[in-house]
C-alpha atoms as a PDB file:
ATOM      1  CA  MET A   1       0.000   0.000   0.000  1.00  0.00           C
ATOM      2  CA  THR A   2       1.270   3.478  -0.876  1.00  0.00           C
ATOM      3  CA  LEU A   3       0.382   6.419   1.325  1.00  0.00           C
ATOM      4  CA  SER A   4       0.508  10.076   0.394  1.00  0.00           C
ATOM      5  CA  HIS A   5      -0.289  13.355   2.079  1.00  0.00           C
ATOM      6  CA  LEU A   6      -3.517  13.409   0.089  1.00  0.00           C
ATOM      7  CA  ALA A   7      -6.434  11.284   1.263  1.00  0.00           C
ATOM      8  CA  THR A   8      -6.044   7.750  -0.003  1.00  0.00           C
ATOM      9  CA  ILE A   9      -9.069   5.578  -0.766  1.00  0.00           C
ATOM     10  CA  LEU A  10      -8.761   2.251   1.030  1.00  0.00           C
ATOM     11  CA  SER A  11     -11.024  -0.796   1.134  1.00  0.00           C
ATOM     12  CA  PHE A  12     -11.157  -2.814   4.337  1.00  0.00           C
ATOM     13  CA  PHE A  13     -12.874  -6.018   5.353  1.00  0.00           C
ATOM     14  CA  LEU A  14     -14.364  -5.460   8.788  1.00  0.00           C
ATOM     15  CA  LEU A  15     -17.948  -6.601   9.123  1.00  0.00           C
ATOM     16  CA  SER A  16     -19.973  -9.566   7.915  1.00  0.00           C
ATOM     17  CA  SER A  17     -20.212  -9.568   4.143  1.00  0.00           C
ATOM     18  CA  THR A  18     -19.435  -5.982   3.152  1.00  0.00           C
ATOM     19  CA  ALA A  19     -16.287  -3.991   2.565  1.00  0.00           C
ATOM     20  CA  ILE A  20     -16.123  -0.581   4.167  1.00  0.00           C
ATOM     21  CA  ALA A  21     -14.918   2.259   1.988  1.00  0.00           C
ATOM     22  CA  ALA A  22     -12.801   4.707   3.912  1.00  0.00           C
ATOM     23  CA  ASP A  23     -10.563   7.698   3.300  1.00  0.00           C
ATOM     24  CA  LEU A  24      -7.338   7.758   5.288  1.00  0.00           C
ATOM     25  CA  ALA A  25      -5.190  10.885   5.229  1.00  0.00           C
ATOM     26  CA  PHE A  26      -2.124  11.694   7.287  1.00  0.00           C
ATOM     27  CA  LYS A  27      -0.140  14.736   8.330  1.00  0.00           C
ATOM     28  CA  LYS A  28       3.488  14.421   9.417  1.00  0.00           C
ATOM     29  CA  ILE A  29       4.067  16.239  12.695  1.00  0.00           C
ATOM     30  CA  SER A  30       7.707  15.215  13.207  1.00  0.00           C
ATOM     31  CA  ALA A  31      10.060  12.419  12.180  1.00  0.00           C
ATOM     32  CA  THR A  32       8.232  10.009  14.496  1.00  0.00           C
ATOM     33  CA  GLU A  33       4.769  11.575  14.892  1.00  0.00           C
ATOM     34  CA  PHE A  34       1.781  11.591  12.549  1.00  0.00           C
ATOM     35  CA  GLU A  35      -1.820  12.727  12.647  1.00  0.00           C
ATOM     36  CA  LEU A  36      -4.147  10.218  10.947  1.00  0.00           C
ATOM     37  CA  THR A  37      -7.642  11.158   9.794  1.00  0.00           C
ATOM     38  CA  LEU A  38     -10.063   8.332   9.032  1.00  0.00           C
ATOM     39  CA  THR A  39     -13.382   9.040   7.322  1.00  0.00           C
ATOM     40  CA  SER A  40     -15.846   6.192   6.742  1.00  0.00           C
ATOM     41  CA  ASP A  41     -19.298   5.863   5.245  1.00  0.00           C
ATOM     42  CA  ILE A  42     -20.528   4.138   8.421  1.00  0.00           C
ATOM     43  CA  SER A  43     -19.945   4.742  12.127  1.00  0.00           C
ATOM     44  CA  LEU A  44     -17.265   2.616  13.791  1.00  0.00           C
ATOM     45  CA  THR A  45     -16.063   1.955  17.308  1.00  0.00           C
ATOM     46  CA  VAL A  46     -12.641   3.295  18.287  1.00  0.00           C
ATOM     47  CA  ASP A  47     -11.224  -0.241  18.255  1.00  0.00           C
ATOM     48  CA  GLN A  48     -12.565  -0.981  14.773  1.00  0.00           C
ATOM     49  CA  ALA A  49     -11.133   2.285  13.457  1.00  0.00           C
ATOM     50  CA  GLN A  50      -7.723   1.580  14.980  1.00  0.00           C
ATOM     51  CA  VAL A  51      -7.696  -1.917  13.463  1.00  0.00           C
ATOM     52  CA  MET A  52      -8.334  -0.332  10.064  1.00  0.00           C
ATOM     53  CA  MET A  53      -5.456   2.097  10.610  1.00  0.00           C
ATOM     54  CA  SER A  54      -2.975  -0.573  11.726  1.00  0.00           C
ATOM     55  CA  ASP A  55      -1.442  -1.512   8.347  1.00  0.00           C
ATOM     56  CA  PRO A  56      -1.053   2.107   7.140  1.00  0.00           C
ATOM     57  CA  ALA A  57       0.378   3.003  10.563  1.00  0.00           C
ATOM     58  CA  SER A  58       3.002   0.262  10.182  1.00  0.00           C
ATOM     59  CA  THR A  59       3.861   1.600   6.720  1.00  0.00           C
ATOM     60  CA  LEU A  60       4.311   5.140   8.037  1.00  0.00           C
ATOM     61  CA  CYS A  61       6.471   3.982  10.940  1.00  0.00           C
ATOM     62  CA  ALA A  62       8.783   2.123   8.532  1.00  0.00           C
ATOM     63  CA  GLY A  63      10.054  -0.601  10.853  1.00  0.00           C
ATOM     64  CA  LYS A  64       9.413   1.199  14.131  1.00  0.00           C
ATOM     65  CA  ILE A  65       6.514   0.341  16.420  1.00  0.00           C
ATOM     66  CA  PRO A  66       3.205   2.183  15.765  1.00  0.00           C
ATOM     67  CA  GLN A  67       1.789   3.414  19.066  1.00  0.00           C
ATOM     68  CA  TYR A  68      -1.602   5.132  19.159  1.00  0.00           C
ATOM     69  CA  GLY A  69      -1.901   8.261  21.273  1.00  0.00           C
ATOM     70  CA  LYS A  70      -4.802  10.642  21.764  1.00  0.00           C
ATOM     71  CA  TYR A  71      -7.783  10.627  19.406  1.00  0.00           C
ATOM     72  CA  LYS A  72     -10.831  12.809  18.832  1.00  0.00           C
ATOM     73  CA  PHE A  73     -13.867  12.998  16.604  1.00  0.00           C
ATOM     74  CA  SER A  74     -14.081  15.937  14.249  1.00  0.00           C
ATOM     75  CA  GLY A  75     -17.164  18.123  14.168  1.00  0.00           C
ATOM     76  CA  SER A  76     -20.316  16.662  15.714  1.00  0.00           C
ATOM     77  CA  GLU A  77     -19.386  13.014  15.202  1.00  0.00           C
ATOM     78  CA  ASN A  78     -19.118  10.858  18.328  1.00  0.00           C
ATOM     79  CA  LEU A  79     -19.775   7.277  19.270  1.00  0.00           C
ATOM     80  CA  THR A  80     -23.146   7.942  20.861  1.00  0.00           C
ATOM     81  CA  ALA A  81     -24.560  10.288  18.241  1.00  0.00           C
ATOM     82  CA  GLN A  82     -27.980   9.261  16.956  1.00  0.00           C
ATOM     83  CA  LYS A  83     -28.749   9.933  13.306  1.00  0.00           C
ATOM     84  CA  SER A  84     -32.072   9.822  11.534  1.00  0.00           C
ATOM     85  CA  ALA A  85     -32.754   7.221   8.868  1.00  0.00           C
ATOM     86  CA  GLU A  86     -32.555   9.899   6.194  1.00  0.00           C
ATOM     87  CA  GLU A  87     -29.041  10.947   7.165  1.00  0.00           C
ATOM     88  CA  THR A  88     -25.973   9.286   5.765  1.00  0.00           C
ATOM     89  CA  PRO A  89     -23.732   8.330   8.684  1.00  0.00           C
ATOM     90  CA  VAL A  90     -20.219   9.720   8.406  1.00  0.00           C
ATOM     91  CA  PHE A  91     -17.400   8.713  10.726  1.00  0.00           C
ATOM     92  CA  HIS A  92     -14.549  11.207  11.057  1.00  0.00           C
ATOM     93  CA  MET A  93     -11.811  10.331  13.550  1.00  0.00           C
ATOM     94  CA  ILE A  94      -8.443  11.986  14.131  1.00  0.00           C
ATOM     95  CA  GLN A  95      -5.810   9.714  15.692  1.00  0.00           C
ATOM     96  CA  MET A  96      -2.318  10.662  16.856  1.00  0.00           C
ATOM     97  CA  LEU A  97       0.386   8.135  15.982  1.00  0.00           C
ATOM     98  CA  ASN A  98       3.841   7.821  17.540  1.00  0.00           C
ATOM     99  CA  CYS A  99       6.557   5.613  16.034  1.00  0.00           C
ATOM    100  CA  VAL A 100       8.749   4.154  18.754  1.00  0.00           C
ATOM    101  CA  ALA A 101      11.737   1.816  18.591  1.00  0.00           C
ATOM    102  CA  ASP A 102      11.470  -0.140  21.832  1.00  0.00           C
ATOM    103  CA  LEU A 103      11.027  -3.504  20.114  1.00  0.00           C
ATOM    104  CA  PRO A 104      11.568  -4.737  16.555  1.00  0.00           C
ATOM    105  CA  THR A 105       8.465  -5.434  14.546  1.00  0.00           C
ATOM    106  CA  ARG A 106       7.647  -9.129  14.674  1.00  0.00           C
ATOM    107  CA  PRO A 107       7.671 -10.669  11.171  1.00  0.00           C
ATOM    108  CA  LYS A 108       4.381 -12.415  10.494  1.00  0.00           C
ATOM    109  CA  GLY A 109       4.749 -16.152  10.644  1.00  0.00           C
ATOM    110  CA  ALA A 110       8.428 -15.975  11.591  1.00  0.00           C
ATOM    111  CA  THR A 111       9.899 -17.790  14.561  1.00  0.00           C
ATOM    112  CA  PRO A 112      12.232 -15.457  16.465  1.00  0.00           C
ATOM    113  CA  THR A 113      15.667 -16.727  17.413  1.00  0.00           C
ATOM    114  CA  VAL A 114      16.372 -16.842  21.119  1.00  0.00           C
ATOM    115  CA  ARG A 115      20.019 -16.035  21.904  1.00  0.00           C
ATOM    116  CA  LYS A 116      22.218 -16.086  24.994  1.00  0.00           C
ATOM    117  CA  ILE A 117      19.680 -17.810  27.239  1.00  0.00           C
ATOM    118  CA  ASP A 118      19.344 -21.542  27.716  1.00  0.00           C
ATOM    119  CA  SER A 119      16.143 -23.579  27.615  1.00  0.00           C
ATOM    120  CA  ASP A 120      15.655 -23.470  31.395  1.00  0.00           C
ATOM    121  CA  GLN A 121      15.921 -19.678  31.434  1.00  0.00           C
ATOM    122  CA  GLU A 122      13.544 -19.391  28.503  1.00  0.00           C
ATOM    123  CA  PHE A 123      11.024 -21.641  30.275  1.00  0.00           C
ATOM    124  CA  LYS A 124      11.192 -19.500  33.430  1.00  0.00           C
ATOM    125  CA  LEU A 125      10.792 -16.301  31.393  1.00  0.00           C
ATOM    126  CA  LYS A 126       7.700 -17.690  29.680  1.00  0.00           C
ATOM    127  CA  ILE A 127       6.165 -18.495  33.063  1.00  0.00           C
ATOM    128  CA  GLU A 128       6.996 -14.976  34.243  1.00  0.00           C
ATOM    129  CA  GLY A 129       5.432 -13.484  31.108  1.00  0.00           C
ATOM    130  CA  LYS A 130       2.186 -15.366  31.762  1.00  0.00           C
ATOM    131  CA  LYS A 131       2.143 -14.264  35.414  1.00  0.00           C
ATOM    132  CA  LEU A 132       2.695 -10.623  34.493  1.00  0.00           C
ATOM    133  CA  THR A 133       0.053 -10.700  31.770  1.00  0.00           C
ATOM    134  CA  THR A 134      -2.526 -12.330  34.034  1.00  0.00           C
ATOM    135  CA  ALA A 135      -1.811  -9.786  36.773  1.00  0.00           C
ATOM    136  CA  TYR A 136      -2.046  -6.842  34.373  1.00  0.00           C
ATOM    137  CA  LEU A 137      -5.266  -7.945  32.675  1.00  0.00           C
ATOM    138  CA  SER A 138      -6.848  -8.933  36.013  1.00  0.00           C
ATOM    139  CA  ALA A 139      -6.005  -5.522  37.470  1.00  0.00           C
ATOM    140  CA  LYS A 140      -7.852  -3.806  34.615  1.00  0.00           C
ATOM    141  CA  GLU A 141     -10.799  -6.216  34.784  1.00  0.00           C
ATOM    142  CA  ASN A 142     -11.204  -5.599  38.521  1.00  0.00           C
ATOM    143  CA  ALA A 143     -10.752  -1.814  38.300  1.00  0.00           C
ATOM    144  CA  TYR A 144      -7.324  -1.710  39.962  1.00  0.00           C
ATOM    145  CA  TYR A 145      -6.274   0.894  37.435  1.00  0.00           C
ATOM    146  CA  GLU A 146      -3.446   2.444  39.424  1.00  0.00           C
ATOM    147  CA  THR A 147      -1.837  -0.980  39.783  1.00  0.00           C
ATOM    148  CA  ALA A 148      -2.150  -1.656  36.057  1.00  0.00           C
ATOM    149  CA  TYR A 149      -0.867   1.807  35.042  1.00  0.00           C
ATOM    150  CA  ASN A 150       2.198   1.408  37.256  1.00  0.00           C
ATOM    151  CA  MET A 151       3.164  -1.672  35.226  1.00  0.00           C
ATOM    152  CA  LEU A 152       3.604   0.450  32.073  1.00  0.00           C
ATOM    153  CA  SER A 153       7.051   1.379  30.798  1.00  0.00           C
ATOM    154  CA  PRO A 154       8.223   5.022  30.955  1.00  0.00           C
ATOM    155  CA  SER A 155       7.829   5.308  27.171  1.00  0.00           C
ATOM    156  CA  MET A 156       4.160   4.274  27.381  1.00  0.00           C
ATOM    157  CA  LYS A 157       3.484   6.555  30.344  1.00  0.00           C
ATOM    158  CA  ALA A 158       4.974   9.433  28.367  1.00  0.00           C
ATOM    159  CA  THR A 159       2.177   9.149  25.790  1.00  0.00           C
ATOM    160  CA  ILE A 160      -0.759   9.274  28.231  1.00  0.00           C
ATOM    161  CA  ASN A 161      -1.310  10.416  31.806  1.00  0.00           C
ATOM    162  CA  PRO A 162      -2.957   8.187  34.463  1.00  0.00           C
ATOM    163  CA  GLU A 163      -6.345   9.924  34.293  1.00  0.00           C
ATOM    164  CA  GLU A 164      -6.658   9.628  30.519  1.00  0.00           C
ATOM    165  CA  TRP A 165      -5.423   6.037  30.570  1.00  0.00           C
ATOM    166  CA  GLN A 166      -7.945   5.077  33.262  1.00  0.00           C
ATOM    167  CA  ALA A 167     -10.793   6.719  31.344  1.00  0.00           C
ATOM    168  CA  LEU A 168      -9.943   4.710  28.226  1.00  0.00           C
ATOM    169  CA  ALA A 169      -9.482   1.479  30.189  1.00  0.00           C
ATOM    170  CA  THR A 170     -12.768   1.967  32.070  1.00  0.00           C
ATOM    171  CA  ALA A 171     -14.692   2.641  28.853  1.00  0.00           C
ATOM    172  CA  TYR A 172     -13.215  -0.418  27.169  1.00  0.00           C
ATOM    173  CA  GLN A 173     -13.980  -2.743  30.092  1.00  0.00           C
ATOM    174  CA  ALA A 174     -17.584  -1.510  30.081  1.00  0.00           C
ATOM    175  CA  LYS A 175     -17.744  -2.223  26.363  1.00  0.00           C
ATOM    176  CA  ILE A 176     -16.605  -5.869  26.619  1.00  0.00           C
ATOM    177  CA  GLY A 177     -18.194  -6.825  29.958  1.00  0.00           C
ATOM    178  CA  LYS A 178     -17.124  -9.332  32.604  1.00  0.00           C
ATOM    179  CA  LEU A 179     -14.412 -11.906  31.974  1.00  0.00           C
ATOM    180  CA  VAL A 180     -15.642 -15.407  31.129  1.00  0.00           C
ATOM    181  CA  SER A 181     -12.398 -17.123  30.097  1.00  0.00           C
ATOM    182  CA  ARG A 182      -8.838 -16.282  29.099  1.00  0.00           C
ATOM    183  CA  ASP A 183      -6.263 -18.166  27.014  1.00  0.00           C
ATOM    184  CA  LEU A 184      -2.619 -17.036  26.952  1.00  0.00           C
ATOM    185  CA  TRP A 185      -1.960 -19.083  23.860  1.00  0.00           C
ATOM    186  CA  ARG A 186       1.517 -17.993  22.760  1.00  0.00           C
ATOM    187  CA  VAL A 187       4.559 -16.736  24.648  1.00  0.00           C
ATOM    188  CA  THR A 188       7.716 -15.706  22.776  1.00  0.00           C
ATOM    189  CA  VAL A 189      11.041 -14.673  24.303  1.00  0.00           C
ATOM    190  CA  TYR A 190      13.410 -12.271  22.518  1.00  0.00           C
ATOM    191  CA  ASP A 191      16.836 -11.882  24.092  1.00  0.00           C
ATOM    192  CA  ASN A 192      18.734  -8.772  22.922  1.00  0.00           C
ATOM    193  CA  PRO A 193      17.086  -8.534  19.476  1.00  0.00           C
ATOM    194  CA  VAL A 194      19.601  -7.122  17.018  1.00  0.00           C
ATOM    195  CA  ASN A 195      17.353  -4.354  15.659  1.00  0.00           C
ATOM    196  CA  SER A 196      15.951  -3.074  18.963  1.00  0.00           C
ATOM    197  CA  SER A 197      16.992   0.323  20.293  1.00  0.00           C
ATOM    198  CA  GLN A 198      17.250  -0.981  23.841  1.00  0.00           C
ATOM    199  CA  PRO A 199      19.239  -4.075  24.796  1.00  0.00           C
ATOM    200  CA  GLY A 200      17.433  -6.446  27.117  1.00  0.00           C
ATOM    201  CA  THR A 201      14.934  -9.275  27.242  1.00  0.00           C
ATOM    202  CA  TYR A 202      11.455  -9.010  25.745  1.00  0.00           C
ATOM    203  CA  ILE A 203       8.534 -11.357  26.358  1.00  0.00           C
ATOM    204  CA  ALA A 204       5.583 -11.179  23.961  1.00  0.00           C
ATOM    205  CA  VAL A 205       2.343 -12.797  25.158  1.00  0.00           C
ATOM    206  CA  ASP A 206      -0.572 -13.336  22.758  1.00  0.00           C
ATOM    207  CA  TYR A 207      -3.963 -13.876  24.364  1.00  0.00           C
ATOM    208  CA  GLU A 208      -7.605 -14.438  23.545  1.00  0.00           C
ATOM    209  CA  THR A 209     -10.398 -13.843  26.018  1.00  0.00           C
ATOM    210  CA  LYS A 210     -14.158 -14.234  26.148  1.00  0.00           C
ATOM    211  CA  HIS A 211     -16.248 -11.601  27.909  1.00  0.00           C
ATOM    212  CA  SER A 212     -19.948 -11.316  28.689  1.00  0.00           C
ATOM    213  CA  ILE A 213     -20.551  -8.670  26.000  1.00  0.00           C
ATOM    214  CA  ALA A 214     -17.664  -9.362  23.610  1.00  0.00           C
ATOM    215  CA  PRO A 215     -17.250 -13.106  23.013  1.00  0.00           C
ATOM    216  CA  VAL A 216     -13.960 -12.573  21.182  1.00  0.00           C
ATOM    217  CA  THR A 217     -11.178 -10.283  22.393  1.00  0.00           C
ATOM    218  CA  CYS A 218      -7.698 -10.763  20.924  1.00  0.00           C
ATOM    219  CA  GLY A 219      -4.494  -8.974  21.791  1.00  0.00           C
ATOM    220  CA  TYR A 220      -0.908  -9.168  22.890  1.00  0.00           C
ATOM    221  CA  VAL A 221       1.419  -7.474  25.342  1.00  0.00           C
ATOM    222  CA  VAL A 222       5.201  -7.117  25.367  1.00  0.00           C
ATOM    223  CA  TRP A 223       7.199  -7.064  28.607  1.00  0.00           C
ATOM    224  CA  PHE A 224      10.715  -5.632  28.846  1.00  0.00           C
ATOM    225  CA  LEU A 225      13.559  -6.433  31.245  1.00  0.00           C
ATOM    226  CA  ALA A 226      16.662  -4.222  31.098  1.00  0.00           C
ATOM    227  CA  PRO A 227      20.073  -5.940  31.280  1.00  0.00           C
ATOM    228  CA  ASP A 228      20.870  -4.341  34.641  1.00  0.00           C
ATOM    229  CA  SER A 229      17.557  -5.358  36.211  1.00  0.00           C
ATOM    230  CA  LYS A 230      16.999  -8.785  37.722  1.00  0.00           C
ATOM    231  CA  ASN A 231      13.206  -8.913  37.808  1.00  0.00           C
ATOM    232  CA  HIS A 232      11.699  -5.471  37.138  1.00  0.00           C
ATOM    233  CA  PHE A 233       9.654  -6.047  33.993  1.00  0.00           C
ATOM    234  CA  SER A 234       7.604  -3.217  32.482  1.00  0.00           C
ATOM    235  CA  LEU A 235       4.888  -3.248  29.837  1.00  0.00           C
ATOM    236  CA  MET A 236       6.483  -1.968  26.646  1.00  0.00           C
ATOM    237  CA  ARG A 237       3.617  -2.445  24.182  1.00  0.00           C
ATOM    238  CA  GLU A 238      -0.054  -3.424  24.129  1.00  0.00           C
ATOM    239  CA  GLU A 239      -2.492  -4.015  21.282  1.00  0.00           C
ATOM    240  CA  TYR A 240      -5.997  -5.468  21.372  1.00  0.00           C
ATOM    241  CA  GLY A 241      -9.378  -5.530  19.675  1.00  0.00           C
ATOM    242  CA  HIS A 242     -12.719  -7.218  20.166  1.00  0.00           C
ATOM    243  CA  ILE A 243     -15.660  -8.641  18.247  1.00  0.00           C
ATOM    244  CA  SER A 244     -19.062  -7.958  19.782  1.00  0.00           C
ATOM    245  CA  GLU A 245     -21.776 -10.571  20.059  1.00  0.00           C
ATOM    246  CA  ASP A 246     -24.001  -8.963  17.418  1.00  0.00           C
ATOM    247  CA  ILE A 247     -21.143  -9.024  14.889  1.00  0.00           C
ATOM    248  CA  VAL A 248     -20.419 -12.677  15.681  1.00  0.00           C
ATOM    249  CA  LYS A 249     -24.085 -13.575  15.097  1.00  0.00           C
ATOM    250  CA  SER A 250     -24.322 -11.666  11.808  1.00  0.00           C
ATOM    251  CA  THR A 251     -20.989 -12.772  10.310  1.00  0.00           C
ATOM    252  CA  SER A 252     -20.433 -15.896   8.228  1.00  0.00           C
ATOM    253  CA  ALA A 253     -17.875 -18.474   9.330  1.00  0.00           C
ATOM    254  CA  SER A 254     -15.512 -17.635   6.450  1.00  0.00           C
ATOM    255  CA  ASP A 255     -15.717 -13.896   7.109  1.00  0.00           C
ATOM    256  CA  MET A 256     -15.235 -14.477  10.822  1.00  0.00           C
ATOM    257  CA  GLY A 257     -12.050 -16.382  10.012  1.00  0.00           C
ATOM    258  CA  LYS A 258     -10.770 -13.408   8.025  1.00  0.00           C
ATOM    259  CA  LEU A 259     -11.622 -11.007  10.819  1.00  0.00           C
ATOM    260  CA  ARG A 260      -9.927 -13.182  13.427  1.00  0.00           C
ATOM    261  CA  LYS A 261      -6.801 -13.349  11.266  1.00  0.00           C
ATOM    262  CA  GLN A 262      -6.815  -9.580  10.811  1.00  0.00           C
ATOM    263  CA  MET A 263      -6.983  -9.124  14.579  1.00  0.00           C
ATOM    264  CA  GLY A 264      -4.222 -11.640  15.315  1.00  0.00           C
ATOM    265  CA  CYS A 265      -6.474 -14.121  17.128  1.00  0.00           C
ATOM    266  CA  LYS A 266      -5.579 -17.733  17.857  1.00  0.00           C
ATOM    267  CA  LYS A 267      -5.805 -19.875  14.718  1.00  0.00           C
END
């Protein structure tokens, strides 16, 4: 995909059997910051919009990690706006994007090489990654937001203050409902990756959960341990998205498979 400073027409698969036409324009703020503007012919949730922006965001960041910052809705558009049947719904969202270099982008389908640590150490790190992920997700699910926020890395905290982060986390938990089940289905250890800006150990944990409102929630977190730290891991990166129950019911099995793949769910 080629991006330009002019709005680029993109076609995305997102819902049951239709493609959503959307305009995506960007403005370069600095060498590592961009302002993305997504306009769609139908209203979307924040998570759906960010999923649609993910591939262009990766292209703009050119090997660095795309990290979403603040967002807003232009004009009168908002998630709760009610429109009459005669009106054509228009979604207009402005999203700030930061490109960071804390962890190399994971090649799709590639198996990372673990270096300098033996199998016993790798096994222990995987257990630690699962413990940290369970603690972090449980803290958010049970409204221990200060505990969860304190697990973030300095680079993540620099993009959002505690109050804003808690507001977003609270809204998202209300959107997906109570936890029903959780599967931490893949844990990958990276030891001193050659193209990372920070030496150290990284643990990536992919998960899939089921909630009372959203039967499918897929995401992953990345934990970082600096070389001079024995056990102080911090959350370096987090990405997630969900599929609501009404979308699951109205989507064919083949389309659901495509959507799950797009969101990085368990195969």
